[in-house]
Amino acid sequence: MNNRLNFTKEYFTWSPGDAALKQRQKRLEPFLAKGLDKQAGLETHGLQTKSTFHQNRD
């Protein structure tokens, strides 16, 4: 997998809950510049749904 696809997969994959969001944060860390939002803009307050990236369609 290339870096673009890896970022896309991690960006569009999340689950609610502190532990799951902490894992997502760690997965996104290699792609984000210092100082950017650790969840890359995902509003996590009150998050109740999950998202799973399945495939890239070029």
PDB file of N, CA and C in Angstrom:
ATOM      1  N   MET A   1       0.837  -1.199   0.000  1.00  0.00           N
ATOM      2  CA  MET A   1       0.000   0.000   0.000  1.00  0.00           C
ATOM      3  C   MET A   1       0.875   1.254   0.000  1.00  0.00           C
ATOM      4  N   ASN A   2       0.487   2.232  -0.766  1.00  0.00           N
ATOM      5  CA  ASN A   2       1.249   3.471  -0.748  1.00  0.00           C
ATOM      6  C   ASN A   2       0.770   4.362   0.398  1.00  0.00           C
ATOM      7  N   ASN A   3       1.537   5.416   0.679  1.00  0.00           N
ATOM      8  CA  ASN A   3       1.214   6.291   1.804  1.00  0.00           C
ATOM      9  C   ASN A   3      -0.128   6.987   1.649  1.00  0.00           C
ATOM     10  N   ARG A   4      -0.484   7.352   0.417  1.00  0.00           N
ATOM     11  CA  ARG A   4      -1.772   8.030   0.200  1.00  0.00           C
ATOM     12  C   ARG A   4      -2.931   7.123   0.591  1.00  0.00           C
ATOM     13  N   LEU A   5      -2.846   5.867   0.174  1.00  0.00           N
ATOM     14  CA  LEU A   5      -3.899   4.921   0.502  1.00  0.00           C
ATOM     15  C   LEU A   5      -3.909   4.622   1.996  1.00  0.00           C
ATOM     16  N   ASN A   6      -2.743   4.500   2.602  1.00  0.00           N
ATOM     17  CA  ASN A   6      -2.686   4.266   4.043  1.00  0.00           C
ATOM     18  C   ASN A   6      -3.359   5.408   4.798  1.00  0.00           C
ATOM     19  N   PHE A   7      -3.067   6.659   4.411  1.00  0.00           N
ATOM     20  CA  PHE A   7      -3.705   7.790   5.072  1.00  0.00           C
ATOM     21  C   PHE A   7      -5.208   7.742   4.867  1.00  0.00           C
ATOM     22  N   THR A   8      -5.639   7.485   3.656  1.00  0.00           N
ATOM     23  CA  THR A   8      -7.067   7.436   3.350  1.00  0.00           C
ATOM     24  C   THR A   8      -7.755   6.387   4.202  1.00  0.00           C
ATOM     25  N   LYS A   9      -7.178   5.222   4.292  1.00  0.00           N
ATOM     26  CA  LYS A   9      -7.753   4.140   5.101  1.00  0.00           C
ATOM     27  C   LYS A   9      -7.870   4.561   6.569  1.00  0.00           C
ATOM     28  N   GLU A  10      -6.804   5.117   7.122  1.00  0.00           N
ATOM     29  CA  GLU A  10      -6.829   5.506   8.536  1.00  0.00           C
ATOM     30  C   GLU A  10      -7.756   6.690   8.781  1.00  0.00           C
ATOM     31  N   TYR A  11      -7.792   7.639   7.856  1.00  0.00           N
ATOM     32  CA  TYR A  11      -8.635   8.816   8.020  1.00  0.00           C
ATOM     33  C   TYR A  11     -10.115   8.451   8.041  1.00  0.00           C
ATOM     34  N   PHE A  12     -10.535   7.540   7.182  1.00  0.00           N
ATOM     35  CA  PHE A  12     -11.944   7.190   7.065  1.00  0.00           C
ATOM     36  C   PHE A  12     -12.346   5.976   7.905  1.00  0.00           C
ATOM     37  N   THR A  13     -11.492   5.572   8.840  1.00  0.00           N
ATOM     38  CA  THR A  13     -11.805   4.460   9.738  1.00  0.00           C
ATOM     39  C   THR A  13     -11.796   4.968  11.177  1.00  0.00           C
ATOM     40  N   TRP A  14     -12.945   4.858  11.843  1.00  0.00           N
ATOM     41  CA  TRP A  14     -13.022   5.226  13.260  1.00  0.00           C
ATOM     42  C   TRP A  14     -14.149   4.488  13.937  1.00  0.00           C
ATOM     43  N   SER A  15     -14.070   4.459  15.268  1.00  0.00           N
ATOM     44  CA  SER A  15     -15.124   3.907  16.126  1.00  0.00           C
ATOM     45  C   SER A  15     -15.266   4.838  17.313  1.00  0.00           C
ATOM     46  N   PRO A  16     -16.450   4.900  17.902  1.00  0.00           N
ATOM     47  CA  PRO A  16     -16.620   5.739  19.079  1.00  0.00           C
ATOM     48  C   PRO A  16     -15.906   5.133  20.288  1.00  0.00           C
ATOM     49  N   GLY A  17     -15.657   5.951  21.269  1.00  0.00           N
ATOM     50  CA  GLY A  17     -15.031   5.496  22.509  1.00  0.00           C
ATOM     51  C   GLY A  17     -13.597   5.987  22.615  1.00  0.00           C
ATOM     52  N   ASP A  18     -13.188   6.274  23.830  1.00  0.00           N
ATOM     53  CA  ASP A  18     -11.859   6.839  24.072  1.00  0.00           C
ATOM     54  C   ASP A  18     -10.732   5.937  23.571  1.00  0.00           C
ATOM     55  N   ALA A  19     -10.802   4.646  23.859  1.00  0.00           N
ATOM     56  CA  ALA A  19      -9.730   3.728  23.462  1.00  0.00           C
ATOM     57  C   ALA A  19      -9.616   3.648  21.943  1.00  0.00           C
ATOM     58  N   ALA A  20     -10.735   3.539  21.250  1.00  0.00           N
ATOM     59  CA  ALA A  20     -10.727   3.437  19.789  1.00  0.00           C
ATOM     60  C   ALA A  20     -10.208   4.727  19.155  1.00  0.00           C
ATOM     61  N   LEU A  21     -10.599   5.867  19.703  1.00  0.00           N
ATOM     62  CA  LEU A  21     -10.141   7.139  19.152  1.00  0.00           C
ATOM     63  C   LEU A  21      -8.657   7.353  19.422  1.00  0.00           C
ATOM     64  N   LYS A  22      -8.171   6.874  20.538  1.00  0.00           N
ATOM     65  CA  LYS A  22      -6.733   6.943  20.846  1.00  0.00           C
ATOM     66  C   LYS A  22      -5.948   6.093  19.842  1.00  0.00           C
ATOM     67  N   GLN A  23      -6.474   4.925  19.492  1.00  0.00           N
ATOM     68  CA  GLN A  23      -5.817   4.077  18.492  1.00  0.00           C
ATOM     69  C   GLN A  23      -5.798   4.773  17.133  1.00  0.00           C
ATOM     70  N   ARG A  24      -6.905   5.408  16.764  1.00  0.00           N
ATOM     71  CA  ARG A  24      -6.961   6.137  15.491  1.00  0.00           C
ATOM     72  C   ARG A  24      -5.931   7.262  15.479  1.00  0.00           C
ATOM     73  N   GLN A  25      -5.842   7.955  16.587  1.00  0.00           N
ATOM     74  CA  GLN A  25      -4.871   9.045  16.716  1.00  0.00           C
ATOM     75  C   GLN A  25      -3.453   8.528  16.466  1.00  0.00           C
ATOM     76  N   LYS A  26      -3.117   7.396  17.038  1.00  0.00           N
ATOM     77  CA  LYS A  26      -1.784   6.806  16.846  1.00  0.00           C
ATOM     78  C   LYS A  26      -1.568   6.389  15.390  1.00  0.00           C
ATOM     79  N   ARG A  27      -2.609   5.862  14.750  1.00  0.00           N
ATOM     80  CA  ARG A  27      -2.491   5.452  13.344  1.00  0.00           C
ATOM     81  C   ARG A  27      -2.302   6.651  12.416  1.00  0.00           C
ATOM     82  N   LEU A  28      -2.916   7.792  12.757  1.00  0.00           N
ATOM     83  CA  LEU A  28      -2.806   8.991  11.932  1.00  0.00           C
ATOM     84  C   LEU A  28      -1.509   9.759  12.174  1.00  0.00           C
ATOM     85  N   GLU A  29      -0.910   9.570  13.311  1.00  0.00           N
ATOM     86  CA  GLU A  29       0.255  10.346  13.730  1.00  0.00           C
ATOM     87  C   GLU A  29       1.361  10.444  12.661  1.00  0.00           C
ATOM     88  N   PRO A  30       1.730   9.354  11.991  1.00  0.00           N
ATOM     89  CA  PRO A  30       2.805   9.462  10.994  1.00  0.00           C
ATOM     90  C   PRO A  30       2.475  10.354   9.796  1.00  0.00           C
ATOM     91  N   PHE A  31       1.210  10.635   9.570  1.00  0.00           N
ATOM     92  CA  PHE A  31       0.785  11.401   8.402  1.00  0.00           C
ATOM     93  C   PHE A  31       0.565  12.885   8.685  1.00  0.00           C
ATOM     94  N   LEU A  32       0.479  13.266   9.953  1.00  0.00           N
ATOM     95  CA  LEU A  32       0.101  14.632  10.306  1.00  0.00           C
ATOM     96  C   LEU A  32       1.305  15.450  10.757  1.00  0.00           C
ATOM     97  N   ALA A  33       1.377  16.683  10.292  1.00  0.00           N
ATOM     98  CA  ALA A  33       2.440  17.593  10.716  1.00  0.00           C
ATOM     99  C   ALA A  33       2.227  17.979  12.174  1.00  0.00           C
ATOM    100  N   LYS A  34       3.324  18.291  12.847  1.00  0.00           N
ATOM    101  CA  LYS A  34       3.235  18.731  14.245  1.00  0.00           C
ATOM    102  C   LYS A  34       2.324  19.940  14.351  1.00  0.00           C
ATOM    103  N   GLY A  35       1.487  19.915  15.372  1.00  0.00           N
ATOM    104  CA  GLY A  35       0.599  21.040  15.627  1.00  0.00           C
ATOM    105  C   GLY A  35      -0.789  20.897  15.022  1.00  0.00           C
ATOM    106  N   LEU A  36      -0.966  19.958  14.095  1.00  0.00           N
ATOM    107  CA  LEU A  36      -2.296  19.743  13.526  1.00  0.00           C
ATOM    108  C   LEU A  36      -3.164  18.964  14.509  1.00  0.00           C
ATOM    109  N   ASP A  37      -4.466  19.093  14.338  1.00  0.00           N
ATOM    110  CA  ASP A  37      -5.421  18.352  15.152  1.00  0.00           C
ATOM    111  C   ASP A  37      -5.118  16.856  15.075  1.00  0.00           C
ATOM    112  N   LYS A  38      -4.983  16.214  16.221  1.00  0.00           N
ATOM    113  CA  LYS A  38      -4.584  14.806  16.277  1.00  0.00           C
ATOM    114  C   LYS A  38      -5.625  13.857  15.677  1.00  0.00           C
ATOM    115  N   GLN A  39      -6.868  14.302  15.515  1.00  0.00           N
ATOM    116  CA  GLN A  39      -7.901  13.494  14.868  1.00  0.00           C
ATOM    117  C   GLN A  39      -8.162  13.975  13.436  1.00  0.00           C
ATOM    118  N   ALA A  40      -7.288  14.834  12.938  1.00  0.00           N
ATOM    119  CA  ALA A  40      -7.363  15.326  11.553  1.00  0.00           C
ATOM    120  C   ALA A  40      -8.728  15.918  11.217  1.00  0.00           C
ATOM    121  N   GLY A  41      -9.323  16.607  12.192  1.00  0.00           N
ATOM    122  CA  GLY A  41     -10.570  17.312  11.931  1.00  0.00           C
ATOM    123  C   GLY A  41     -11.846  16.567  12.280  1.00  0.00           C
ATOM    124  N   LEU A  42     -11.746  15.297  12.634  1.00  0.00           N
ATOM    125  CA  LEU A  42     -12.948  14.547  13.008  1.00  0.00           C
ATOM    126  C   LEU A  42     -13.466  15.066  14.349  1.00  0.00           C
ATOM    127  N   GLU A  43     -14.716  15.479  14.383  1.00  0.00           N
ATOM    128  CA  GLU A  43     -15.337  15.930  15.635  1.00  0.00           C
ATOM    129  C   GLU A  43     -15.682  14.695  16.460  1.00  0.00           C
ATOM    130  N   THR A  44     -14.991  14.493  17.573  1.00  0.00           N
ATOM    131  CA  THR A  44     -15.143  13.270  18.349  1.00  0.00           C
ATOM    132  C   THR A  44     -16.099  13.413  19.523  1.00  0.00           C
ATOM    133  N   HIS A  45     -16.458  14.638  19.888  1.00  0.00           N
ATOM    134  CA  HIS A  45     -17.368  14.839  21.019  1.00  0.00           C
ATOM    135  C   HIS A  45     -18.750  14.281  20.672  1.00  0.00           C
ATOM    136  N   GLY A  46     -19.188  13.303  21.426  1.00  0.00           N
ATOM    137  CA  GLY A  46     -20.500  12.719  21.213  1.00  0.00           C
ATOM    138  C   GLY A  46     -20.569  11.757  20.027  1.00  0.00           C
ATOM    139  N   LEU A  47     -19.425  11.359  19.502  1.00  0.00           N
ATOM    140  CA  LEU A  47     -19.395  10.450  18.362  1.00  0.00           C
ATOM    141  C   LEU A  47     -20.078   9.135  18.717  1.00  0.00           C
ATOM    142  N   GLN A  48     -21.044   8.712  17.907  1.00  0.00           N
ATOM    143  CA  GLN A  48     -21.801   7.491  18.186  1.00  0.00           C
ATOM    144  C   GLN A  48     -21.764   6.485  17.047  1.00  0.00           C
ATOM    145  N   THR A  49     -21.234   6.881  15.911  1.00  0.00           N
ATOM    146  CA  THR A  49     -21.194   5.979  14.767  1.00  0.00           C
ATOM    147  C   THR A  49     -19.762   5.558  14.474  1.00  0.00           C
ATOM    148  N   LYS A  50     -19.629   4.532  13.643  1.00  0.00           N
ATOM    149  CA  LYS A  50     -18.294   4.136  13.220  1.00  0.00           C
ATOM    150  C   LYS A  50     -18.211   4.184  11.711  1.00  0.00           C
ATOM    151  N   SER A  51     -17.002   4.182  11.219  1.00  0.00           N
ATOM    152  CA  SER A  51     -16.757   4.206   9.787  1.00  0.00           C
ATOM    153  C   SER A  51     -15.612   3.254   9.482  1.00  0.00           C
ATOM    154  N   THR A  52     -15.743   2.523   8.385  1.00  0.00           N
ATOM    155  CA  THR A  52     -14.698   1.596   7.965  1.00  0.00           C
ATOM    156  C   THR A  52     -14.410   1.807   6.487  1.00  0.00           C
ATOM    157  N   PHE A  53     -13.164   2.057   6.170  1.00  0.00           N
ATOM    158  CA  PHE A  53     -12.735   2.214   4.790  1.00  0.00           C
ATOM    159  C   PHE A  53     -12.574   0.817   4.187  1.00  0.00           C
ATOM    160  N   HIS A  54     -13.202   0.584   3.044  1.00  0.00           N
ATOM    161  CA  HIS A  54     -13.149  -0.732   2.433  1.00  0.00           C
ATOM    162  C   HIS A  54     -12.158  -0.836   1.280  1.00  0.00           C
ATOM    163  N   GLN A  55     -12.202   0.097   0.353  1.00  0.00           N
ATOM    164  CA  GLN A  55     -11.258   0.050  -0.775  1.00  0.00           C
ATOM    165  C   GLN A  55     -11.195   1.386  -1.484  1.00  0.00           C
ATOM    166  N   ASN A  56     -10.125   1.565  -2.211  1.00  0.00           N
ATOM    167  CA  ASN A  56      -9.929   2.761  -2.997  1.00  0.00           C
ATOM    168  C   ASN A  56     -10.356   2.476  -4.430  1.00  0.00           C
ATOM    169  N   ARG A  57     -11.150   3.343  -5.015  1.00  0.00           N
ATOM    170  CA  ARG A  57     -11.613   3.160  -6.398  1.00  0.00           C
ATOM    171  C   ARG A  57     -11.012   4.258  -7.266  1.00  0.00           C
ATOM    172  N   ASP A  58      -9.885   3.968  -7.844  1.00  0.00           N
ATOM    173  CA  ASP A  58      -9.236   4.943  -8.745  1.00  0.00           C
ATOM    174  C   ASP A  58      -9.872   4.927 -10.095  1.00  0.00           C
TER     175      ASP A  58
END
